[in-house]
Amino acid sequence: MAAAWTSLGLAAAAVLVVGIAMPASAAAQAPAAPAPSSDGTSIDQGIAYVLMLVALVLTYLIHPLDASSPYKLF
């Protein structure tokens, strides 16, 4: 029974070594990918999200003032 556990341990150690060594060797052989470049649409989308958040904050800040005014607009 001890021989079975020894062979199982050796197999587990081999799998562990191969699992650690193979990705490292594959990464060393892979060519480097070019850096992603932006065409400006992601920047525009970021600006749009910021402006929408500003509008949302202003809406929640102005709404209590509007609700407490004596003028009934709606």
N, C-alpha and C. Protein backbone atom coordinates (compact mmCIF):
# COMPACT_ATOMS: atom_id res chain seq x y z
N MET A 1 0.82 -1.19 0.00
CA MET A 1 0.00 0.00 0.00
C MET A 1 0.87 1.26 0.00
N ALA A 2 2.02 1.17 0.65
CA ALA A 2 2.91 2.32 0.70
C ALA A 2 3.46 2.64 -0.69
N ALA A 3 3.63 1.62 -1.51
CA ALA A 3 4.14 1.83 -2.86
C ALA A 3 3.11 2.60 -3.71
N ALA A 4 1.84 2.34 -3.49
CA ALA A 4 0.79 3.04 -4.23
C ALA A 4 0.78 4.52 -3.87
N TRP A 5 0.93 4.81 -2.57
CA TRP A 5 0.95 6.20 -2.14
C TRP A 5 2.21 6.90 -2.63
N THR A 6 3.31 6.20 -2.70
CA THR A 6 4.55 6.79 -3.20
C THR A 6 4.43 7.12 -4.68
N SER A 7 3.88 6.20 -5.45
CA SER A 7 3.73 6.47 -6.89
C SER A 7 2.69 7.56 -7.13
N LEU A 8 1.67 7.61 -6.30
CA LEU A 8 0.67 8.68 -6.42
C LEU A 8 1.30 10.03 -6.08
N GLY A 9 2.14 10.06 -5.07
CA GLY A 9 2.84 11.29 -4.70
C GLY A 9 3.80 11.75 -5.78
N LEU A 10 4.51 10.79 -6.39
CA LEU A 10 5.42 11.15 -7.48
C LEU A 10 4.66 11.68 -8.69
N ALA A 11 3.52 11.07 -8.97
CA ALA A 11 2.70 11.54 -10.10
C ALA A 11 2.17 12.94 -9.83
N ALA A 12 1.72 13.19 -8.60
CA ALA A 12 1.22 14.52 -8.24
C ALA A 12 2.33 15.56 -8.33
N ALA A 13 3.53 15.19 -7.88
CA ALA A 13 4.66 16.12 -7.96
C ALA A 13 5.02 16.40 -9.42
N ALA A 14 4.96 15.38 -10.27
CA ALA A 14 5.27 15.59 -11.68
C ALA A 14 4.24 16.50 -12.34
N VAL A 15 2.97 16.30 -12.01
CA VAL A 15 1.92 17.16 -12.56
C VAL A 15 2.12 18.60 -12.10
N LEU A 16 2.49 18.78 -10.84
CA LEU A 16 2.73 20.11 -10.31
C LEU A 16 3.91 20.79 -11.00
N VAL A 17 5.00 20.07 -11.20
CA VAL A 17 6.17 20.64 -11.86
C VAL A 17 5.86 21.00 -13.31
N VAL A 18 5.18 20.10 -14.01
CA VAL A 18 4.83 20.38 -15.41
C VAL A 18 3.84 21.53 -15.49
N GLY A 19 2.90 21.59 -14.56
CA GLY A 19 1.93 22.68 -14.56
C GLY A 19 2.55 24.04 -14.32
N ILE A 20 3.63 24.06 -13.56
CA ILE A 20 4.32 25.33 -13.31
C ILE A 20 5.28 25.66 -14.45
N ALA A 21 5.95 24.66 -14.99
CA ALA A 21 6.98 24.90 -16.00
C ALA A 21 6.41 25.18 -17.39
N MET A 22 5.33 24.53 -17.76
CA MET A 22 4.81 24.67 -19.13
C MET A 22 4.29 26.07 -19.43
N PRO A 23 3.47 26.70 -18.59
CA PRO A 23 3.03 28.07 -18.93
C PRO A 23 4.19 29.05 -19.01
N ALA A 24 5.21 28.85 -18.17
CA ALA A 24 6.35 29.76 -18.21
C ALA A 24 7.12 29.61 -19.51
N SER A 25 7.28 28.38 -20.00
CA SER A 25 8.00 28.19 -21.25
C SER A 25 7.16 28.64 -22.44
N ALA A 26 5.87 28.48 -22.37
CA ALA A 26 5.00 28.93 -23.46
C ALA A 26 4.98 30.45 -23.53
N ALA A 27 5.01 31.11 -22.38
CA ALA A 27 5.01 32.57 -22.37
C ALA A 27 6.34 33.11 -22.90
N ALA A 28 7.43 32.39 -22.66
CA ALA A 28 8.73 32.84 -23.14
C ALA A 28 8.82 32.73 -24.67
N GLN A 29 8.10 31.79 -25.27
CA GLN A 29 8.18 31.60 -26.72
C GLN A 29 7.15 32.44 -27.47
N ALA A 30 6.12 32.89 -26.79
CA ALA A 30 5.05 33.64 -27.47
C ALA A 30 5.56 35.03 -27.83
N PRO A 31 5.21 35.51 -29.02
CA PRO A 31 5.62 36.87 -29.39
C PRO A 31 4.82 37.89 -28.58
N ALA A 32 5.45 39.00 -28.34
CA ALA A 32 4.79 40.06 -27.55
C ALA A 32 3.69 40.70 -28.39
N ALA A 33 2.56 40.86 -27.79
CA ALA A 33 1.43 41.50 -28.48
C ALA A 33 1.64 43.01 -28.50
N PRO A 34 1.22 43.66 -29.56
CA PRO A 34 1.38 45.11 -29.60
C PRO A 34 0.46 45.77 -28.58
N ALA A 35 0.88 46.90 -28.10
CA ALA A 35 0.09 47.63 -27.11
C ALA A 35 -1.20 48.12 -27.77
N PRO A 36 -2.32 48.02 -27.07
CA PRO A 36 -3.58 48.49 -27.66
C PRO A 36 -3.55 50.01 -27.83
N SER A 37 -4.09 50.44 -28.94
CA SER A 37 -4.16 51.87 -29.19
C SER A 37 -5.60 52.31 -29.17
N SER A 38 -5.83 53.52 -28.80
CA SER A 38 -7.18 54.05 -28.68
C SER A 38 -7.46 54.95 -29.88
N ASP A 39 -8.65 54.82 -30.44
CA ASP A 39 -9.02 55.68 -31.55
C ASP A 39 -9.85 56.88 -31.09
N GLY A 40 -9.97 57.05 -29.79
CA GLY A 40 -10.68 58.20 -29.25
C GLY A 40 -12.09 57.90 -28.81
N THR A 41 -12.66 56.79 -29.27
CA THR A 41 -14.04 56.51 -28.89
C THR A 41 -14.15 56.16 -27.41
N SER A 42 -13.16 55.48 -26.86
CA SER A 42 -13.22 55.15 -25.44
C SER A 42 -13.07 56.41 -24.59
N ILE A 43 -12.29 57.36 -25.06
CA ILE A 43 -12.16 58.63 -24.34
C ILE A 43 -13.48 59.39 -24.38
N ASP A 44 -14.12 59.41 -25.54
CA ASP A 44 -15.42 60.07 -25.67
C ASP A 44 -16.46 59.40 -24.78
N GLN A 45 -16.41 58.09 -24.72
CA GLN A 45 -17.37 57.38 -23.89
C GLN A 45 -17.12 57.68 -22.41
N GLY A 46 -15.88 57.78 -22.01
CA GLY A 46 -15.56 58.13 -20.63
C GLY A 46 -16.05 59.52 -20.27
N ILE A 47 -15.87 60.46 -21.19
CA ILE A 47 -16.37 61.83 -20.96
C ILE A 47 -17.89 61.83 -20.86
N ALA A 48 -18.54 61.05 -21.71
CA ALA A 48 -20.01 60.98 -21.66
C ALA A 48 -20.50 60.41 -20.34
N TYR A 49 -19.83 59.38 -19.83
CA TYR A 49 -20.22 58.81 -18.53
C TYR A 49 -20.04 59.84 -17.41
N VAL A 50 -18.95 60.58 -17.45
CA VAL A 50 -18.72 61.60 -16.42
C VAL A 50 -19.80 62.67 -16.48
N LEU A 51 -20.14 63.12 -17.69
CA LEU A 51 -21.17 64.13 -17.83
C LEU A 51 -22.53 63.62 -17.37
N MET A 52 -22.84 62.34 -17.65
CA MET A 52 -24.11 61.79 -17.17
C MET A 52 -24.14 61.71 -15.65
N LEU A 53 -23.02 61.36 -15.03
CA LEU A 53 -22.97 61.32 -13.57
C LEU A 53 -23.12 62.72 -12.97
N VAL A 54 -22.52 63.71 -13.60
CA VAL A 54 -22.68 65.09 -13.14
C VAL A 54 -24.13 65.52 -13.25
N ALA A 55 -24.79 65.18 -14.35
CA ALA A 55 -26.20 65.52 -14.51
C ALA A 55 -27.06 64.82 -13.47
N LEU A 56 -26.74 63.57 -13.17
CA LEU A 56 -27.50 62.83 -12.17
C LEU A 56 -27.33 63.45 -10.78
N VAL A 57 -26.12 63.83 -10.44
CA VAL A 57 -25.87 64.45 -9.13
C VAL A 57 -26.58 65.80 -9.04
N LEU A 58 -26.49 66.57 -10.09
CA LEU A 58 -27.17 67.87 -10.08
C LEU A 58 -28.68 67.70 -9.97
N THR A 59 -29.22 66.70 -10.62
CA THR A 59 -30.66 66.45 -10.54
C THR A 59 -31.06 66.15 -9.10
N TYR A 60 -30.31 65.30 -8.42
CA TYR A 60 -30.64 64.97 -7.04
C TYR A 60 -30.38 66.12 -6.08
N LEU A 61 -29.46 67.03 -6.41
CA LEU A 61 -29.24 68.20 -5.57
C LEU A 61 -30.30 69.27 -5.78
N ILE A 62 -30.77 69.43 -7.01
CA ILE A 62 -31.74 70.48 -7.32
C ILE A 62 -33.16 70.05 -6.98
N HIS A 63 -33.45 68.79 -7.05
CA HIS A 63 -34.82 68.31 -6.83
C HIS A 63 -35.38 68.68 -5.46
N PRO A 64 -34.66 68.55 -4.36
CA PRO A 64 -35.23 68.96 -3.08
C PRO A 64 -35.52 70.46 -3.02
N LEU A 65 -34.69 71.26 -3.68
CA LEU A 65 -34.95 72.70 -3.72
C LEU A 65 -36.22 73.00 -4.50
N ASP A 66 -36.42 72.27 -5.59
CA ASP A 66 -37.60 72.47 -6.42
C ASP A 66 -38.86 72.01 -5.70
N ALA A 67 -38.74 70.94 -4.95
CA ALA A 67 -39.91 70.38 -4.25
C ALA A 67 -40.36 71.29 -3.11
N SER A 68 -39.43 72.06 -2.53
CA SER A 68 -39.79 72.91 -1.42
C SER A 68 -40.15 74.33 -1.85
N SER A 69 -40.11 74.63 -3.13
CA SER A 69 -40.44 75.98 -3.58
C SER A 69 -41.94 76.20 -3.54
N PRO A 70 -42.37 77.43 -3.36
CA PRO A 70 -43.81 77.71 -3.31
C PRO A 70 -44.48 77.62 -4.68
N TYR A 71 -43.70 77.62 -5.75
CA TYR A 71 -44.25 77.57 -7.09
C TYR A 71 -44.52 76.11 -7.46
N LYS A 72 -45.72 75.83 -7.89
CA LYS A 72 -46.07 74.48 -8.32
C LYS A 72 -45.91 74.42 -9.84
N LEU A 73 -44.79 73.86 -10.27
CA LEU A 73 -44.52 73.82 -11.70
C LEU A 73 -45.23 72.67 -12.38
N PHE A 74 -45.41 71.55 -11.70
CA PHE A 74 -46.04 70.40 -12.32
C PHE A 74 -47.17 69.90 -11.47
